[in-house]
Amino acid sequence: MEIISSVISTHSTILIVTLIFILIDIITGIIKALHNGTFNSNKMREGLYHKISYLIIIFISGVMEVASFDPNFKVNFDVPLINAVCLYIMVTDFMSILENLANINPELQKFLQKYMEQAKNISDNSSTTE
């Protein structure tokens, strides 16, 4: 139990920030759908399933971190899995939030468009080099 508490307290800030990003993405997605008149409970349910999968992968990465403290686990790694998973989720949700806001507000779209394109180019370039 002490190890679990330690892992949670070590990562509390990134966990909280990740949950905030997830909630803001959900809220801006709902606002965007209402604004565009495309609110659909099936689509919302599908989006919530994606968010639940995020929470599951955070949980699994936490289990892996806790297990890595067990000498019987016999896996020698010191990778902050929770941090890596949360960072991925935050970046993904941040881009989604920007897209939602740009869709809701045309003035923001003009301002954010060049940044979203730059981020997409960076993402495209990093995926082609792997």
N, C-alpha and C. Protein backbone atom coordinates (compact mmCIF):
# COMPACT_ATOMS: atom_id res chain seq x y z
N MET A 1 0.82 -1.20 0.00
CA MET A 1 0.00 0.00 0.00
C MET A 1 0.87 1.26 0.00
N GLU A 2 1.97 1.18 0.70
CA GLU A 2 2.86 2.34 0.79
C GLU A 2 3.42 2.71 -0.59
N ILE A 3 3.74 1.69 -1.39
CA ILE A 3 4.28 1.93 -2.72
C ILE A 3 3.23 2.60 -3.60
N ILE A 4 1.98 2.13 -3.51
CA ILE A 4 0.89 2.72 -4.31
C ILE A 4 0.70 4.18 -3.93
N SER A 5 0.70 4.48 -2.64
CA SER A 5 0.56 5.86 -2.17
C SER A 5 1.71 6.71 -2.68
N SER A 6 2.90 6.13 -2.68
CA SER A 6 4.08 6.85 -3.15
C SER A 6 3.97 7.18 -4.64
N VAL A 7 3.55 6.21 -5.43
CA VAL A 7 3.40 6.44 -6.88
C VAL A 7 2.35 7.50 -7.14
N ILE A 8 1.22 7.41 -6.45
CA ILE A 8 0.15 8.40 -6.65
C ILE A 8 0.61 9.80 -6.23
N SER A 9 1.25 9.90 -5.07
CA SER A 9 1.67 11.22 -4.61
C SER A 9 2.78 11.79 -5.49
N THR A 10 3.64 10.92 -6.00
CA THR A 10 4.70 11.39 -6.90
C THR A 10 4.13 11.98 -8.18
N HIS A 11 3.04 11.41 -8.66
CA HIS A 11 2.47 11.83 -9.94
C HIS A 11 1.17 12.62 -9.78
N SER A 12 0.88 13.09 -8.59
CA SER A 12 -0.43 13.73 -8.36
C SER A 12 -0.66 14.94 -9.26
N THR A 13 0.35 15.77 -9.46
CA THR A 13 0.15 16.97 -10.27
C THR A 13 -0.16 16.61 -11.72
N ILE A 14 0.63 15.73 -12.31
CA ILE A 14 0.39 15.38 -13.72
C ILE A 14 -0.93 14.64 -13.88
N LEU A 15 -1.32 13.85 -12.89
CA LEU A 15 -2.61 13.16 -12.96
C LEU A 15 -3.77 14.16 -12.92
N ILE A 16 -3.67 15.14 -12.04
CA ILE A 16 -4.73 16.15 -11.93
C ILE A 16 -4.81 16.99 -13.21
N VAL A 17 -3.66 17.42 -13.71
CA VAL A 17 -3.64 18.22 -14.94
C VAL A 17 -4.21 17.42 -16.11
N THR A 18 -3.86 16.14 -16.20
CA THR A 18 -4.40 15.29 -17.27
C THR A 18 -5.91 15.19 -17.17
N LEU A 19 -6.42 14.97 -15.97
CA LEU A 19 -7.88 14.89 -15.78
C LEU A 19 -8.55 16.21 -16.17
N ILE A 20 -7.91 17.33 -15.86
CA ILE A 20 -8.46 18.64 -16.24
C ILE A 20 -8.52 18.76 -17.76
N PHE A 21 -7.45 18.35 -18.45
CA PHE A 21 -7.44 18.40 -19.92
C PHE A 21 -8.56 17.53 -20.49
N ILE A 22 -8.75 16.34 -19.92
CA ILE A 22 -9.81 15.44 -20.39
C ILE A 22 -11.17 16.10 -20.21
N LEU A 23 -11.40 16.70 -19.05
CA LEU A 23 -12.70 17.36 -18.79
C LEU A 23 -12.93 18.55 -19.71
N ILE A 24 -11.88 19.35 -19.91
CA ILE A 24 -12.03 20.52 -20.80
C ILE A 24 -12.31 20.06 -22.22
N ASP A 25 -11.67 18.98 -22.65
CA ASP A 25 -11.93 18.47 -23.99
C ASP A 25 -13.37 18.00 -24.12
N ILE A 26 -13.88 17.32 -23.11
CA ILE A 26 -15.27 16.87 -23.13
C ILE A 26 -16.21 18.07 -23.20
N ILE A 27 -15.96 19.07 -22.35
CA ILE A 27 -16.82 20.26 -22.29
C ILE A 27 -16.78 21.02 -23.61
N THR A 28 -15.58 21.26 -24.16
CA THR A 28 -15.51 22.01 -25.42
C THR A 28 -16.10 21.20 -26.58
N GLY A 29 -15.99 19.88 -26.51
CA GLY A 29 -16.61 19.03 -27.54
C GLY A 29 -18.13 19.14 -27.52
N ILE A 30 -18.69 19.15 -26.31
CA ILE A 30 -20.16 19.29 -26.17
C ILE A 30 -20.59 20.67 -26.67
N ILE A 31 -19.86 21.71 -26.27
CA ILE A 31 -20.19 23.07 -26.71
C ILE A 31 -20.11 23.17 -28.23
N LYS A 32 -19.07 22.58 -28.83
CA LYS A 32 -18.92 22.60 -30.29
C LYS A 32 -20.10 21.91 -30.96
N ALA A 33 -20.48 20.73 -30.45
CA ALA A 33 -21.60 19.98 -31.04
C ALA A 33 -22.90 20.77 -30.92
N LEU A 34 -23.13 21.38 -29.76
CA LEU A 34 -24.34 22.18 -29.59
C LEU A 34 -24.32 23.39 -30.52
N HIS A 35 -23.17 24.03 -30.63
CA HIS A 35 -23.00 25.21 -31.49
C HIS A 35 -23.28 24.87 -32.95
N ASN A 36 -22.81 23.70 -33.39
CA ASN A 36 -22.98 23.29 -34.79
C ASN A 36 -24.29 22.57 -35.05
N GLY A 37 -25.05 22.32 -33.97
CA GLY A 37 -26.30 21.59 -34.12
C GLY A 37 -26.09 20.12 -34.48
N THR A 38 -24.96 19.57 -34.05
CA THR A 38 -24.63 18.18 -34.39
C THR A 38 -24.53 17.30 -33.15
N PHE A 39 -25.10 17.75 -32.04
CA PHE A 39 -25.02 16.95 -30.82
C PHE A 39 -25.69 15.61 -31.05
N ASN A 40 -24.96 14.55 -30.74
CA ASN A 40 -25.44 13.19 -30.98
C ASN A 40 -25.00 12.33 -29.81
N SER A 41 -25.95 11.72 -29.12
CA SER A 41 -25.60 10.95 -27.93
C SER A 41 -24.72 9.75 -28.27
N ASN A 42 -24.90 9.16 -29.46
CA ASN A 42 -24.04 8.05 -29.85
C ASN A 42 -22.59 8.49 -30.02
N LYS A 43 -22.40 9.64 -30.63
CA LYS A 43 -21.04 10.17 -30.83
C LYS A 43 -20.43 10.55 -29.48
N MET A 44 -21.24 11.12 -28.60
CA MET A 44 -20.76 11.49 -27.28
C MET A 44 -20.35 10.23 -26.49
N ARG A 45 -21.16 9.21 -26.59
CA ARG A 45 -20.86 7.94 -25.92
C ARG A 45 -19.53 7.38 -26.43
N GLU A 46 -19.33 7.44 -27.73
CA GLU A 46 -18.08 6.96 -28.33
C GLU A 46 -16.89 7.76 -27.80
N GLY A 47 -17.05 9.07 -27.70
CA GLY A 47 -15.99 9.92 -27.15
C GLY A 47 -15.70 9.59 -25.69
N LEU A 48 -16.76 9.31 -24.93
CA LEU A 48 -16.56 8.94 -23.52
C LEU A 48 -15.83 7.61 -23.40
N TYR A 49 -16.09 6.69 -24.33
CA TYR A 49 -15.36 5.42 -24.33
C TYR A 49 -13.86 5.67 -24.55
N HIS A 50 -13.54 6.62 -25.42
CA HIS A 50 -12.14 6.97 -25.63
C HIS A 50 -11.52 7.53 -24.36
N LYS A 51 -12.26 8.38 -23.68
CA LYS A 51 -11.74 8.97 -22.43
C LYS A 51 -11.58 7.90 -21.36
N ILE A 52 -12.49 6.96 -21.30
CA ILE A 52 -12.37 5.85 -20.35
C ILE A 52 -11.13 5.02 -20.68
N SER A 53 -10.86 4.83 -21.96
CA SER A 53 -9.65 4.07 -22.34
C SER A 53 -8.40 4.81 -21.89
N TYR A 54 -8.43 6.15 -21.92
CA TYR A 54 -7.30 6.92 -21.37
C TYR A 54 -7.11 6.60 -19.90
N LEU A 55 -8.20 6.60 -19.14
CA LEU A 55 -8.10 6.33 -17.70
C LEU A 55 -7.58 4.92 -17.44
N ILE A 56 -7.98 3.98 -18.27
CA ILE A 56 -7.51 2.60 -18.11
C ILE A 56 -6.01 2.50 -18.37
N ILE A 57 -5.53 3.17 -19.41
CA ILE A 57 -4.09 3.10 -19.72
C ILE A 57 -3.28 3.82 -18.64
N ILE A 58 -3.83 4.89 -18.05
CA ILE A 58 -3.14 5.53 -16.92
C ILE A 58 -3.05 4.55 -15.76
N PHE A 59 -4.15 3.86 -15.49
CA PHE A 59 -4.17 2.87 -14.41
C PHE A 59 -3.16 1.76 -14.66
N ILE A 60 -3.14 1.24 -15.90
CA ILE A 60 -2.21 0.16 -16.23
C ILE A 60 -0.76 0.63 -16.09
N SER A 61 -0.47 1.84 -16.54
CA SER A 61 0.91 2.34 -16.40
C SER A 61 1.26 2.50 -14.93
N GLY A 62 0.30 2.86 -14.09
CA GLY A 62 0.54 2.93 -12.65
C GLY A 62 0.81 1.56 -12.06
N VAL A 63 0.07 0.56 -12.52
CA VAL A 63 0.30 -0.82 -12.05
C VAL A 63 1.71 -1.26 -12.43
N MET A 64 2.13 -0.94 -13.65
CA MET A 64 3.49 -1.29 -14.09
C MET A 64 4.54 -0.61 -13.23
N GLU A 65 4.31 0.65 -12.90
CA GLU A 65 5.27 1.36 -12.04
C GLU A 65 5.34 0.74 -10.66
N VAL A 66 4.18 0.41 -10.10
CA VAL A 66 4.15 -0.23 -8.78
C VAL A 66 4.83 -1.59 -8.85
N ALA A 67 4.54 -2.35 -9.90
CA ALA A 67 5.13 -3.69 -10.04
C ALA A 67 6.64 -3.62 -10.19
N SER A 68 7.13 -2.56 -10.78
CA SER A 68 8.58 -2.44 -10.97
C SER A 68 9.33 -2.33 -9.64
N PHE A 69 8.62 -1.98 -8.56
CA PHE A 69 9.25 -1.92 -7.23
C PHE A 69 9.37 -3.31 -6.59
N ASP A 70 8.65 -4.28 -7.12
CA ASP A 70 8.65 -5.63 -6.55
C ASP A 70 9.87 -6.40 -7.05
N PRO A 71 10.73 -6.87 -6.13
CA PRO A 71 11.92 -7.60 -6.56
C PRO A 71 11.59 -8.89 -7.31
N ASN A 72 10.42 -9.46 -7.10
CA ASN A 72 10.02 -10.67 -7.80
C ASN A 72 9.56 -10.41 -9.23
N PHE A 73 9.32 -9.16 -9.56
CA PHE A 73 8.83 -8.80 -10.90
C PHE A 73 9.92 -8.99 -11.94
N LYS A 74 11.18 -8.85 -11.53
CA LYS A 74 12.37 -9.11 -12.36
C LYS A 74 12.37 -8.34 -13.68
N VAL A 75 11.88 -7.15 -13.64
CA VAL A 75 12.00 -6.26 -14.80
C VAL A 75 12.70 -5.02 -14.30
N ASN A 76 13.84 -4.78 -14.86
CA ASN A 76 14.63 -3.64 -14.43
C ASN A 76 14.40 -2.46 -15.36
N PHE A 77 13.46 -1.65 -15.03
CA PHE A 77 13.27 -0.43 -15.79
C PHE A 77 12.88 0.68 -14.84
N ASP A 78 13.30 1.86 -15.21
CA ASP A 78 12.99 3.03 -14.40
C ASP A 78 12.40 4.09 -15.32
N VAL A 79 11.33 3.71 -16.00
CA VAL A 79 10.67 4.62 -16.93
C VAL A 79 9.42 5.17 -16.25
N PRO A 80 9.29 6.48 -16.22
CA PRO A 80 8.07 7.06 -15.63
C PRO A 80 6.90 6.90 -16.58
N LEU A 81 6.32 5.71 -16.60
CA LEU A 81 5.24 5.40 -17.55
C LEU A 81 4.06 6.34 -17.40
N ILE A 82 3.69 6.62 -16.16
CA ILE A 82 2.54 7.50 -15.95
C ILE A 82 2.79 8.86 -16.60
N ASN A 83 3.99 9.39 -16.43
CA ASN A 83 4.31 10.69 -17.03
C ASN A 83 4.21 10.64 -18.55
N ALA A 84 4.75 9.59 -19.16
CA ALA A 84 4.72 9.47 -20.62
C ALA A 84 3.28 9.36 -21.13
N VAL A 85 2.50 8.52 -20.48
CA VAL A 85 1.10 8.32 -20.88
C VAL A 85 0.31 9.62 -20.71
N CYS A 86 0.47 10.26 -19.57
CA CYS A 86 -0.26 11.52 -19.30
C CYS A 86 0.16 12.61 -20.27
N LEU A 87 1.44 12.69 -20.59
CA LEU A 87 1.90 13.70 -21.54
C LEU A 87 1.25 13.49 -22.91
N TYR A 88 1.22 12.25 -23.36
CA TYR A 88 0.56 11.93 -24.64
C TYR A 88 -0.91 12.37 -24.61
N ILE A 89 -1.60 12.02 -23.53
CA ILE A 89 -3.02 12.37 -23.42
C ILE A 89 -3.21 13.88 -23.40
N MET A 90 -2.36 14.58 -22.65
CA MET A 90 -2.49 16.04 -22.57
C MET A 90 -2.26 16.70 -23.93
N VAL A 91 -1.25 16.25 -24.67
CA VAL A 91 -0.98 16.84 -25.99
C VAL A 91 -2.15 16.56 -26.94
N THR A 92 -2.63 15.32 -26.93
CA THR A 92 -3.76 14.95 -27.78
C THR A 92 -4.99 15.77 -27.45
N ASP A 93 -5.31 15.87 -26.16
CA ASP A 93 -6.49 16.63 -25.76
C ASP A 93 -6.30 18.13 -25.98
N PHE A 94 -5.08 18.63 -25.81
CA PHE A 94 -4.82 20.05 -26.05
C PHE A 94 -5.13 20.40 -27.51
N MET A 95 -4.67 19.54 -28.43
CA MET A 95 -4.96 19.79 -29.85
C MET A 95 -6.47 19.71 -30.12
N SER A 96 -7.14 18.77 -29.49
CA SER A 96 -8.58 18.64 -29.67
C SER A 96 -9.31 19.86 -29.12
N ILE A 97 -8.86 20.36 -27.97
CA ILE A 97 -9.46 21.55 -27.37
C ILE A 97 -9.29 22.74 -28.31
N LEU A 98 -8.08 22.91 -28.87
CA LEU A 98 -7.85 24.01 -29.81
C LEU A 98 -8.76 23.89 -31.03
N GLU A 99 -8.89 22.68 -31.56
CA GLU A 99 -9.77 22.48 -32.71
C GLU A 99 -11.22 22.79 -32.36
N ASN A 100 -11.67 22.37 -31.18
CA ASN A 100 -13.04 22.67 -30.76
C ASN A 100 -13.26 24.17 -30.64
N LEU A 101 -12.32 24.86 -30.00
CA LEU A 101 -12.45 26.30 -29.80
C LEU A 101 -12.41 27.04 -31.13
N ALA A 102 -11.54 26.61 -32.03
CA ALA A 102 -11.45 27.24 -33.35
C ALA A 102 -12.76 27.05 -34.12
N ASN A 103 -13.39 25.92 -33.95
CA ASN A 103 -14.66 25.66 -34.62
C ASN A 103 -15.78 26.51 -34.04
N ILE A 104 -15.75 26.74 -32.75
CA ILE A 104 -16.79 27.52 -32.06
C ILE A 104 -16.65 29.00 -32.38
N ASN A 105 -15.42 29.49 -32.43
CA ASN A 105 -15.17 30.92 -32.57
C ASN A 105 -14.29 31.18 -33.80
N PRO A 106 -14.85 31.72 -34.87
CA PRO A 106 -14.08 31.97 -36.11
C PRO A 106 -12.88 32.89 -35.90
N GLU A 107 -12.97 33.83 -34.96
CA GLU A 107 -11.82 34.71 -34.70
C GLU A 107 -10.66 33.90 -34.13
N LEU A 108 -10.98 32.98 -33.25
CA LEU A 108 -9.94 32.11 -32.70
C LEU A 108 -9.37 31.21 -33.79
N GLN A 109 -10.22 30.80 -34.72
CA GLN A 109 -9.77 29.91 -35.79
C GLN A 109 -8.66 30.57 -36.59
N LYS A 110 -8.84 31.84 -36.92
CA LYS A 110 -7.80 32.56 -37.67
C LYS A 110 -6.50 32.61 -36.87
N PHE A 111 -6.61 32.88 -35.59
CA PHE A 111 -5.44 33.00 -34.73
C PHE A 111 -4.75 31.65 -34.52
N LEU A 112 -5.55 30.61 -34.26
CA LEU A 112 -5.00 29.31 -33.90
C LEU A 112 -4.58 28.46 -35.09
N GLN A 113 -5.09 28.78 -36.27
CA GLN A 113 -4.86 27.93 -37.44
C GLN A 113 -3.38 27.70 -37.70
N LYS A 114 -2.57 28.75 -37.67
CA LYS A 114 -1.15 28.57 -38.00
C LYS A 114 -0.45 27.71 -36.95
N TYR A 115 -0.86 27.83 -35.69
CA TYR A 115 -0.25 27.02 -34.63
C TYR A 115 -0.68 25.56 -34.74
N MET A 116 -1.93 25.36 -35.09
CA MET A 116 -2.41 23.99 -35.25
C MET A 116 -1.74 23.32 -36.45
N GLU A 117 -1.50 24.07 -37.52
CA GLU A 117 -0.81 23.53 -38.69
C GLU A 117 0.64 23.19 -38.35
N GLN A 118 1.30 24.07 -37.58
CA GLN A 118 2.68 23.80 -37.17
C GLN A 118 2.75 22.54 -36.31
N ALA A 119 1.83 22.42 -35.38
CA ALA A 119 1.81 21.24 -34.51
C ALA A 119 1.54 19.98 -35.33
N LYS A 120 0.65 20.08 -36.30
CA LYS A 120 0.35 18.93 -37.15
C LYS A 120 1.57 18.55 -37.97
N ASN A 121 2.30 19.55 -38.49
CA ASN A 121 3.51 19.26 -39.27
C ASN A 121 4.57 18.58 -38.42
N ILE A 122 4.72 19.04 -37.19
CA ILE A 122 5.67 18.42 -36.26
C ILE A 122 5.25 16.97 -36.00
N SER A 123 3.97 16.78 -35.77
CA SER A 123 3.46 15.43 -35.52
C SER A 123 3.65 14.53 -36.74
N ASP A 124 3.36 15.06 -37.92
CA ASP A 124 3.52 14.27 -39.15
C ASP A 124 4.99 13.92 -39.37
N ASN A 125 5.88 14.88 -39.13
CA ASN A 125 7.31 14.63 -39.34
C ASN A 125 7.84 13.59 -38.35
N SER A 126 7.36 13.64 -37.10
CA SER A 126 7.86 12.69 -36.12
C SER A 126 7.33 11.29 -36.39
N SER A 127 6.14 11.17 -36.96
CA SER A 127 5.60 9.84 -37.25
C SER A 127 6.24 9.23 -38.49
N THR A 128 6.75 10.05 -39.40
CA THR A 128 7.38 9.51 -40.60
C THR A 128 8.83 9.11 -40.35
N THR A 129 9.44 9.63 -39.29
CA THR A 129 10.82 9.29 -38.98
C THR A 129 10.93 8.06 -38.11
N GLU A 130 9.83 7.54 -37.64
CA GLU A 130 9.88 6.36 -36.77
C GLU A 130 9.93 5.09 -37.56
